[in-house]
Amino acid sequence: MDFKNNCQKLMDRYVSCYCTGDAAGCAAAYSLEAELYSPFGPPAIGRAAIEALHDDWVKEDAEAKEIKVVSAGCSGDLGWCIAGFNEGTTGSGSSVNILARQSDGSWLITHCSLNEG
């Protein structure tokens, strides 16, 4: 499977958790020390803070969320992806994500910047 498809699978799992109100499942897409920056809330540093932020987010119109990876690439154990998102509460925007390969071969987000519009 190519890296872009790996990223889309990760985003699909995230969206599934988001739509069912599972903040811990959303946070599981991020590494333990991940950083999330968003115009929709304060910076969240670490998986616990990312889960707490998602706890608020998944309560609002969660069933309408969609994410589509538009481009991605990797070299060795580091990768990136740019994705577009759409949801009922916040509208649409994009995210820029840095990912790291984990010891089990999976990929997790280490840095994420959400952008409106």
Protein backbone atom coordinates (compact mmCIF):
# COMPACT_ATOMS: atom_id res chain seq x y z
CA MET A 1 0.00 0.00 0.00
CA ASP A 2 1.41 3.43 -0.87
CA PHE A 3 1.92 6.10 1.78
CA LYS A 4 -1.00 8.27 0.67
CA ASN A 5 -3.34 5.29 1.13
CA ASN A 6 -1.85 4.65 4.58
CA CYS A 7 -2.60 8.26 5.48
CA GLN A 8 -6.17 7.98 4.18
CA LYS A 9 -6.71 4.81 6.24
CA LEU A 10 -5.51 6.65 9.36
CA MET A 11 -7.84 9.57 8.58
CA ASP A 12 -10.74 7.19 7.91
CA ARG A 13 -10.24 5.57 11.34
CA TYR A 14 -10.07 9.03 12.90
CA VAL A 15 -13.32 10.08 11.18
CA SER A 16 -15.04 6.87 12.28
CA CYS A 17 -14.10 7.60 15.90
CA TYR A 18 -15.08 11.26 15.50
CA CYS A 19 -18.51 10.37 14.14
CA THR A 20 -19.21 8.00 17.03
CA GLY A 21 -18.10 10.52 19.67
CA ASP A 22 -14.95 8.56 20.60
CA ALA A 23 -12.46 11.26 21.65
CA ALA A 24 -9.91 8.66 22.84
CA GLY A 25 -10.13 6.93 19.46
CA CYS A 26 -9.52 10.26 17.69
CA ALA A 27 -6.50 10.94 19.91
CA ALA A 28 -5.13 7.46 19.11
CA ALA A 29 -4.28 8.77 15.61
CA TYR A 30 -1.65 10.95 17.29
CA SER A 31 1.65 10.01 18.92
CA LEU A 32 1.96 10.38 22.70
CA GLU A 33 3.91 13.64 22.36
CA ALA A 34 1.98 15.04 19.36
CA GLU A 35 1.16 18.70 18.88
CA LEU A 36 -2.14 19.97 17.45
CA TYR A 37 -2.65 23.60 16.43
CA SER A 38 -6.11 24.79 15.46
CA PRO A 39 -8.14 27.98 15.00
CA PHE A 40 -11.00 26.05 16.67
CA GLY A 41 -9.35 25.73 20.09
CA PRO A 42 -6.17 26.21 22.08
CA PRO A 43 -2.97 24.36 21.15
CA ALA A 44 -3.00 20.77 22.43
CA ILE A 45 0.36 19.25 23.32
CA GLY A 46 0.39 15.51 24.06
CA ARG A 47 -2.19 12.83 23.40
CA ALA A 48 -4.08 13.52 26.64
CA ALA A 49 -4.57 17.18 25.71
CA ILE A 50 -5.59 16.18 22.17
CA GLU A 51 -8.17 13.79 23.61
CA ALA A 52 -9.53 16.52 25.92
CA LEU A 53 -9.87 18.92 22.97
CA HIS A 54 -11.63 16.24 20.92
CA ASP A 55 -13.97 15.52 23.82
CA ASP A 56 -15.49 18.95 23.17
CA TRP A 57 -15.33 18.70 19.37
CA VAL A 58 -17.02 15.31 18.94
CA LYS A 59 -20.12 16.54 20.75
CA GLU A 60 -20.97 19.02 17.98
CA ASP A 61 -22.43 17.72 14.69
CA ALA A 62 -19.92 14.88 14.61
CA GLU A 63 -21.72 12.66 12.13
CA ALA A 64 -21.03 15.04 9.22
CA LYS A 65 -17.20 14.96 9.26
CA GLU A 66 -15.21 14.00 6.15
CA ILE A 67 -11.45 14.04 5.49
CA LYS A 68 -9.76 13.47 2.13
CA VAL A 69 -5.98 13.21 1.81
CA VAL A 70 -4.99 15.28 -1.22
CA SER A 71 -1.23 14.76 -1.18
CA ALA A 72 1.32 12.86 0.89
CA GLY A 73 4.90 11.72 0.89
CA CYS A 74 7.46 10.05 3.09
CA SER A 75 11.14 9.36 3.44
CA GLY A 76 12.29 6.68 5.84
CA ASP A 77 10.32 6.89 9.07
CA LEU A 78 8.94 10.41 8.54
CA GLY A 79 6.07 11.49 6.35
CA TRP A 80 3.60 14.27 5.70
CA CYS A 81 0.11 14.66 4.34
CA ILE A 82 -2.18 17.49 3.40
CA ALA A 83 -5.86 16.77 3.79
CA GLY A 84 -9.10 18.63 3.21
CA PHE A 85 -11.87 18.39 5.76
CA ASN A 86 -15.54 19.22 5.80
CA GLU A 87 -18.00 19.14 8.66
CA GLY A 88 -21.24 20.75 9.66
CA THR A 89 -20.08 22.87 12.61
CA THR A 90 -16.80 24.36 11.42
CA GLY A 91 -17.30 24.14 7.67
CA SER A 92 -14.34 23.23 5.53
CA GLY A 93 -10.59 23.63 5.70
CA SER A 94 -7.31 21.81 5.41
CA SER A 95 -4.78 20.17 7.65
CA VAL A 96 -1.04 19.80 7.34
CA ASN A 97 0.25 16.72 9.18
CA ILE A 98 3.68 15.33 10.00
CA LEU A 99 3.70 11.58 10.69
CA ALA A 100 6.21 9.15 12.14
CA ARG A 101 6.41 5.41 11.60
CA GLN A 102 5.96 3.52 14.85
CA SER A 103 7.89 0.42 15.95
CA ASP A 104 4.98 -1.78 14.77
CA GLY A 105 5.12 -0.23 11.27
CA SER A 106 2.01 1.91 11.70
CA TRP A 107 2.00 5.68 11.19
CA LEU A 108 0.85 8.29 13.73
CA ILE A 109 0.53 12.05 13.53
CA THR A 110 3.21 13.96 15.44
CA HIS A 111 2.26 17.50 14.37
CA CYS A 112 -0.99 18.81 12.94
CA SER A 113 -2.04 22.29 11.86
CA LEU A 114 -5.73 22.79 11.08
CA ASN A 115 -6.63 25.69 8.82
CA GLU A 116 -10.03 27.25 8.09
CA GLY A 117 -11.34 27.73 4.59
